[in-house]
Protein backbone atom coordinates (compact mmCIF):
# COMPACT_ATOMS: atom_id res chain seq x y z
CA MET A 1 127.54 76.89 121.47
CA ASN A 2 125.66 78.21 124.07
CA ILE A 3 126.40 82.00 123.23
CA GLY A 4 124.65 81.52 119.81
CA LEU A 5 121.79 79.76 121.35
CA ALA A 6 121.34 82.91 124.20
CA ALA A 7 121.59 85.42 121.22
CA THR A 8 119.11 83.54 119.29
CA ARG A 9 116.79 83.43 122.06
CA ASP A 10 117.50 87.05 122.50
CA TYR A 11 116.73 87.79 118.86
CA TRP A 12 113.84 86.44 118.58
CA SER A 13 112.81 87.81 122.10
CA SER A 14 112.64 90.87 120.59
CA VAL A 15 111.02 90.58 117.51
CA TRP A 16 108.07 88.94 119.52
CA GLN A 17 108.11 91.79 121.94
CA ALA A 18 108.35 94.18 118.90
CA TRP A 19 105.49 92.59 117.75
CA ASN A 20 103.32 92.70 120.40
CA ARG A 21 104.34 96.59 120.64
CA PHE A 22 102.59 97.13 117.12
CA TRP A 23 99.84 95.48 117.61
CA PHE A 24 98.36 95.26 121.39
CA THR A 25 99.95 98.93 122.91
CA PRO A 26 97.00 100.49 123.73
CA THR A 27 96.64 103.76 121.82
CA ASP A 28 93.87 106.74 122.34
CA PRO A 29 90.66 106.08 119.60
CA SER A 30 91.16 110.00 118.67
CA THR A 31 92.63 109.09 115.32
CA LEU A 32 89.99 105.91 114.72
CA SER A 33 87.05 108.21 115.87
CA ILE A 34 88.17 110.87 113.46
CA ILE A 35 88.56 108.78 110.94
CA ARG A 36 84.81 107.08 111.66
CA MET A 37 83.40 110.69 111.34
CA LEU A 38 84.99 111.97 107.79
CA ALA A 39 84.52 108.28 105.81
CA GLY A 40 80.89 108.27 107.66
CA ALA A 41 80.55 111.92 105.84
CA MET A 42 82.00 109.83 103.15
CA LEU A 43 79.57 107.41 102.59
CA PHE A 44 76.61 109.13 102.85
CA TYR A 45 77.77 112.05 100.41
CA THR A 46 78.91 109.42 97.92
CA HIS A 47 75.66 106.84 98.61
CA LEU A 48 73.33 110.12 98.99
CA VAL A 49 74.47 111.37 95.33
CA TRP A 50 72.80 108.00 93.50
CA THR A 51 69.23 108.70 95.30
CA ARG A 52 69.26 111.25 91.61
CA ASP A 53 69.01 108.26 89.62
CA LEU A 54 68.43 105.63 91.77
CA ASP A 55 66.42 103.90 89.59
CA ALA A 56 68.26 103.68 87.00
CA PHE A 57 71.17 102.44 88.63
CA PHE A 58 70.23 100.09 91.12
CA GLY A 59 65.92 98.88 89.64
CA PRO A 60 65.36 95.94 87.99
CA ASP A 61 65.20 97.35 84.63
CA GLY A 62 67.95 99.90 85.00
CA TRP A 63 70.98 100.28 83.11
CA LEU A 64 72.19 96.83 84.90
CA PRO A 65 69.26 95.18 85.09
CA LEU A 66 69.13 92.70 88.11
CA GLU A 67 69.05 88.92 85.85
CA LEU A 68 72.18 90.45 84.02
CA MET A 69 73.65 90.36 87.37
CA ARG A 70 72.58 87.49 88.92
CA GLU A 71 74.19 86.14 85.74
CA VAL A 72 77.55 88.09 86.36
CA HIS A 73 77.71 87.13 89.87
CA ALA A 74 76.71 83.46 89.81
CA GLY A 75 78.85 80.94 91.24
CA ARG A 76 80.47 83.68 93.48
CA THR A 77 79.86 82.54 97.29
CA PHE A 78 80.33 86.47 98.88
CA ALA A 79 78.94 88.33 96.06
CA TRP A 80 75.30 89.55 98.47
CA SER A 81 73.43 91.87 98.40
CA LEU A 82 70.20 93.12 99.40
CA PHE A 83 69.42 94.86 96.35
CA PHE A 84 69.45 91.16 94.50
CA HIS A 85 66.46 89.86 95.97
CA ILE A 86 64.19 93.53 95.86
CA GLU A 87 62.67 94.03 93.01
CA SER A 88 59.94 96.80 94.03
CA PRO A 89 60.36 100.29 93.60
CA VAL A 90 59.33 100.72 97.35
CA GLY A 91 61.54 97.92 98.77
CA LEU A 92 64.61 99.72 96.92
CA TRP A 93 63.90 103.04 97.92
CA THR A 94 63.02 101.44 101.54
CA VAL A 95 66.70 99.75 101.85
CA HIS A 96 68.37 103.59 99.88
CA ILE A 97 66.52 105.79 102.91
CA LEU A 98 67.81 103.46 105.79
CA ALA A 99 71.35 103.16 104.26
CA LEU A 100 71.86 107.07 104.31
CA ILE A 101 70.36 106.70 108.00
CA VAL A 102 72.89 104.59 108.61
CA PHE A 103 75.80 106.41 107.01
CA PHE A 104 74.46 109.22 108.63
CA CYS A 105 74.70 107.88 111.81
CA LEU A 106 77.78 106.84 111.65
CA MET A 107 79.22 110.22 110.60
CA VAL A 108 77.71 112.21 113.84
CA GLY A 109 78.37 108.98 115.81
CA LEU A 110 75.33 107.89 116.78
CA PHE A 111 75.24 104.52 118.36
CA SER A 112 78.66 103.95 116.40
CA ARG A 113 79.67 100.18 116.54
CA VAL A 114 75.83 99.49 115.64
CA MET A 115 75.96 101.79 112.93
CA ALA A 116 79.85 100.64 111.70
CA ILE A 117 78.58 96.93 111.15
CA LEU A 118 75.45 97.88 109.24
CA ALA A 119 77.02 100.16 107.42
CA PHE A 120 79.65 97.74 106.06
CA LEU A 121 76.75 95.38 104.99
CA LEU A 122 75.13 98.12 103.17
CA ALA A 123 77.88 99.64 101.39
CA VAL A 124 79.01 96.12 99.97
CA THR A 125 75.28 95.68 99.13
CA TYR A 126 75.50 98.40 97.02
CA ALA A 127 78.91 97.60 95.52
CA ASN A 128 77.83 94.14 94.72
CA ARG A 129 74.94 95.44 93.31
CA ILE A 130 77.08 97.44 90.54
CA THR A 131 79.76 95.64 90.04
CA PRO A 132 80.94 95.34 87.63
CA GLY A 133 79.28 98.24 85.76
CA ALA A 134 80.02 101.38 87.49
CA TYR A 135 82.80 99.86 90.80
CA PHE A 136 85.94 102.41 91.06
CA GLY A 137 88.34 102.90 93.44
CA LEU A 138 85.90 104.83 96.01
CA ASP A 139 83.44 102.49 96.34
CA LYS A 140 86.64 99.94 97.43
CA ILE A 141 88.02 102.00 100.06
CA ASN A 142 84.31 103.44 101.39
CA CYS A 143 84.20 99.65 102.19
CA MET A 144 87.57 98.50 103.52
CA LEU A 145 87.01 102.01 106.11
CA ALA A 146 83.94 100.93 106.81
CA MET A 147 84.83 96.93 107.29
CA TYR A 148 88.08 98.22 109.76
CA LEU A 149 85.82 100.68 111.64
CA MET A 150 83.61 97.59 112.70
CA LEU A 151 85.99 95.97 114.75
CA GLY A 152 87.54 98.98 116.76
CA PRO A 153 85.62 102.45 119.32
CA CYS A 154 85.35 104.04 116.67
CA GLY A 155 82.59 106.05 118.95
CA ALA A 156 84.94 106.72 121.76
CA ARG A 157 85.67 110.70 120.87
CA TYR A 158 83.95 113.61 119.03
CA SER A 159 80.59 111.43 119.10
CA ILE A 160 77.12 111.82 119.51
CA ASP A 161 77.64 108.51 122.02
CA ARG A 162 79.89 110.60 123.84
CA LEU A 163 77.56 113.76 124.38
CA TRP A 164 75.04 111.19 125.43
CA ARG A 165 76.86 109.95 127.94
CA MET A 166 78.19 113.39 129.45
CA ARG A 167 74.49 114.67 129.05
CA ARG A 168 73.41 111.20 131.53
CA GLY A 169 76.29 111.97 133.47
CA LYS A 170 78.07 109.08 133.02
CA ALA A 171 82.37 108.81 133.50
CA VAL A 172 83.24 110.06 129.99
CA THR A 173 87.23 109.16 130.57
CA THR A 174 88.48 107.66 127.31
CA SER A 175 91.21 104.89 128.15
CA PRO A 176 93.78 104.00 125.44
CA SER A 177 92.28 100.98 123.97
CA VAL A 178 94.45 97.87 122.14
CA ALA A 179 91.19 97.27 119.85
CA ALA A 180 91.47 100.73 118.35
CA ASN A 181 95.45 99.94 118.05
CA VAL A 182 94.55 97.02 115.95
CA VAL A 183 92.34 99.01 113.86
CA ILE A 184 94.74 101.08 112.94
CA ARG A 185 97.50 99.37 112.53
CA LEU A 186 95.27 97.28 109.79
CA ILE A 187 94.02 100.42 108.20
CA GLN A 188 97.80 101.76 107.71
CA LEU A 189 99.00 98.23 106.34
CA HIS A 190 95.60 97.86 103.87
CA MET A 191 97.40 101.29 102.57
CA CYS A 192 100.65 100.39 102.26
CA ILE A 193 98.72 97.51 100.53
CA ILE A 194 97.19 99.41 97.73
CA TYR A 195 100.18 101.81 97.32
CA LEU A 196 102.35 98.91 96.60
CA PHE A 197 100.20 97.52 94.12
CA SER A 198 99.29 100.11 92.32
CA GLY A 199 102.96 101.49 92.13
CA LEU A 200 103.27 97.68 90.38
CA GLY A 201 100.58 97.75 88.91
CA LYS A 202 102.18 101.21 86.99
CA LEU A 203 105.26 99.75 85.92
CA GLN A 204 102.93 97.44 83.93
CA GLY A 205 102.13 100.06 81.19
CA PRO A 206 104.08 101.85 79.34
CA ALA A 207 103.76 105.30 79.93
CA TRP A 208 104.98 105.30 83.51
CA TRP A 209 108.13 104.28 82.19
CA ASP A 210 108.24 107.24 79.71
CA GLY A 211 107.31 110.08 82.15
CA GLU A 212 103.94 110.55 79.94
CA ALA A 213 101.24 109.19 82.32
CA VAL A 214 100.06 112.68 83.86
CA TRP A 215 99.77 114.48 80.71
CA MET A 216 97.85 111.94 78.87
CA SER A 217 96.08 111.69 82.33
CA VAL A 218 95.45 115.66 82.21
CA ALA A 219 95.08 116.56 78.73
CA ASN A 220 91.81 113.23 79.08
CA LEU A 221 89.01 115.85 78.36
CA GLU A 222 86.95 113.30 79.64
CA TYR A 223 88.50 113.35 83.46
CA GLN A 224 89.68 117.05 82.59
CA SER A 225 87.92 120.09 85.65
CA LEU A 226 90.48 121.86 86.06
CA ASP A 227 92.77 123.13 83.00
CA MET A 228 96.60 121.93 82.78
CA MET A 229 97.08 121.96 79.07
CA TRP A 230 99.98 124.51 80.36
CA LEU A 231 102.17 121.09 81.36
CA ALA A 232 102.95 121.11 77.64
CA ARG A 233 104.90 123.25 77.02
CA HIS A 234 107.18 121.77 80.42
CA THR A 235 107.72 118.62 79.21
CA TRP A 236 110.54 118.00 82.88
CA LEU A 237 107.70 118.84 84.34
CA TYR A 238 105.16 116.22 83.66
CA ASN A 239 108.02 113.63 83.37
CA LEU A 240 108.73 114.36 86.60
CA MET A 241 105.35 114.24 87.75
CA THR A 242 105.13 110.47 86.50
CA HIS A 243 108.25 109.20 87.91
CA VAL A 244 107.97 110.56 91.50
CA THR A 245 104.31 109.31 91.24
CA VAL A 246 105.69 105.86 90.76
CA PHE A 247 108.71 106.12 93.51
CA TRP A 248 106.30 107.25 95.79
CA GLU A 249 103.91 104.93 95.69
CA LEU A 250 106.50 101.67 95.22
CA THR A 251 108.21 103.45 98.68
CA TYR A 252 105.32 104.48 100.62
CA ALA A 253 105.34 101.17 102.62
CA VAL A 254 108.85 101.74 103.62
CA PHE A 255 108.97 105.21 104.37
CA ILE A 256 105.87 105.47 106.20
CA TRP A 257 106.76 104.09 109.18
CA ASN A 258 109.96 106.16 109.53
CA ARG A 259 108.98 108.80 111.72
CA TYR A 260 111.70 111.29 110.10
CA THR A 261 110.39 110.61 106.40
CA ARG A 262 106.42 110.46 107.41
CA PRO A 263 105.74 113.92 106.91
CA TRP A 264 107.05 114.03 104.17
CA VAL A 265 105.15 111.60 102.35
CA LEU A 266 101.99 112.17 103.82
CA ALA A 267 102.78 115.33 101.78
CA MET A 268 103.21 113.60 99.33
CA ALA A 269 99.48 111.88 99.46
CA VAL A 270 97.82 115.38 99.44
CA LEU A 271 99.69 117.01 96.85
CA VAL A 272 99.08 113.11 94.14
CA HIS A 273 95.08 112.91 95.61
CA GLY A 274 94.99 116.58 95.91
CA GLY A 275 95.86 116.49 92.41
CA ILE A 276 93.54 113.93 91.35
CA ALA A 277 90.88 115.67 93.10
CA LEU A 278 91.27 119.02 92.00
CA ALA A 279 92.71 118.41 88.29
CA LEU A 280 91.35 115.16 87.01
CA GLY A 281 87.55 115.86 88.70
CA MET A 282 87.49 112.73 90.80
CA ALA A 283 87.09 114.25 94.81
CA THR A 284 85.71 111.98 96.34
CA PHE A 285 88.54 109.50 95.43
CA GLY A 286 91.04 111.74 96.31
CA LEU A 287 89.50 113.00 100.15
CA VAL A 288 88.44 109.00 100.40
CA MET A 289 92.49 108.07 99.81
CA LEU A 290 93.04 110.78 102.23
CA ILE A 291 91.26 110.01 104.96
CA GLY A 292 92.59 106.37 105.08
CA ASN A 293 96.36 108.13 105.21
CA LEU A 294 95.21 109.36 108.41
CA ALA A 295 96.01 106.85 110.08
CA PHE A 296 98.92 107.31 110.07
CA ILE A 297 98.76 110.89 112.56
CA SER A 298 99.12 110.23 115.56
CA PRO A 299 96.35 110.75 118.68
CA SER A 300 97.78 113.50 119.85
CA ALA A 301 98.16 115.42 116.22
CA ILE A 302 94.63 114.18 116.28
CA GLN A 303 93.36 115.54 119.56
CA ARG A 304 95.49 119.42 119.55
CA PHE A 305 92.65 120.19 115.87
CA ALA A 306 89.79 118.26 117.12
CA ASN A 307 89.63 118.43 120.60
CA PRO A 308 89.05 122.37 121.01
CA ILE A 309 86.05 122.53 118.48
CA ALA A 310 84.99 119.23 120.39
CA SER A 311 85.25 120.97 123.80
CA ARG A 312 83.11 123.77 122.34
CA ILE A 313 80.43 121.86 120.48
CA SER A 314 79.62 119.97 124.00
CA LEU A 315 79.37 123.18 126.04
CA ALA A 316 77.33 124.05 123.53
CA LEU A 317 75.18 120.99 123.99
CA VAL A 318 75.42 119.44 127.77
CA GLY A 319 76.31 122.61 129.56
CA THR A 320 79.75 124.13 131.00
CA SER A 321 80.27 121.91 134.07
CA VAL A 322 79.57 118.73 131.81
CA ALA A 323 81.62 119.48 129.20
CA LYS A 324 84.85 120.26 131.63
CA SER A 325 84.68 117.30 132.76
CA GLY A 326 84.67 115.66 129.61
CA ALA A 327 86.48 118.00 127.16
CA GLY A 328 87.66 116.31 124.32
CA GLY A 329 85.17 115.39 121.97
């Protein structure tokens, strides 16, 4: 009996240690920082597009009238938006311009932590104002990434914050961070949940069971941005693409954690979301999903790609001696 108790105790002790290693092992913030830069760029671009017809989408008398949206969200405690309290064009444009400045600052890493908090609040402001009329997956992933960025040291690398510290002669050594690891783990788990429920949702549609879904998507002229009609001559191919897509989404949360299968899972992500971006006219959605997948790229792999570029920028902006002392973003 004592042997059984000892084995049980050792088992749960190992589980506890594995749990702590998973969440609280300090990690370099390179991956988080590159996600900040790309997610900030996506937030800036996708909200800049609203400028083309801001009044029509967000104005009190636009396509989604303010009074109607207030009724839609009545009783929803967390359906908060600054736009629910702004009725003048001046106020609308002031918030919009300030939001673009915030998103740009997040992208370049200026006052990163503060801008991440503001970016999340502003992204939610836009999303709730257009829900449900013009609210899509892109807006959800934008808000998700902005939410997690405000929880960690997203400006530790590849940022103006870092360059500013270098220029002022302050220490620029970037230490591994528990907070960076926690945020990356949260993004990773969120991506697993997204794909799992996406796959389960597809199983409710007969087109995914009979293999027709991919063909129905690429043949829809409303979304078609690349002529894929040649697939009509290869029924087996779009059937295979349909079933592989469902299998990949359902098993993403299993195979993404294994270092041997992870490259294949990520390669499939590039194919799926790259195909969505190129063939279905949803470039921003395809790209933002790939930004989320970057959470599974190790900091060392990010550094091999990004550090040489960051070092050249540092050299140009802050001088040779300082850049060498703070090489790496």
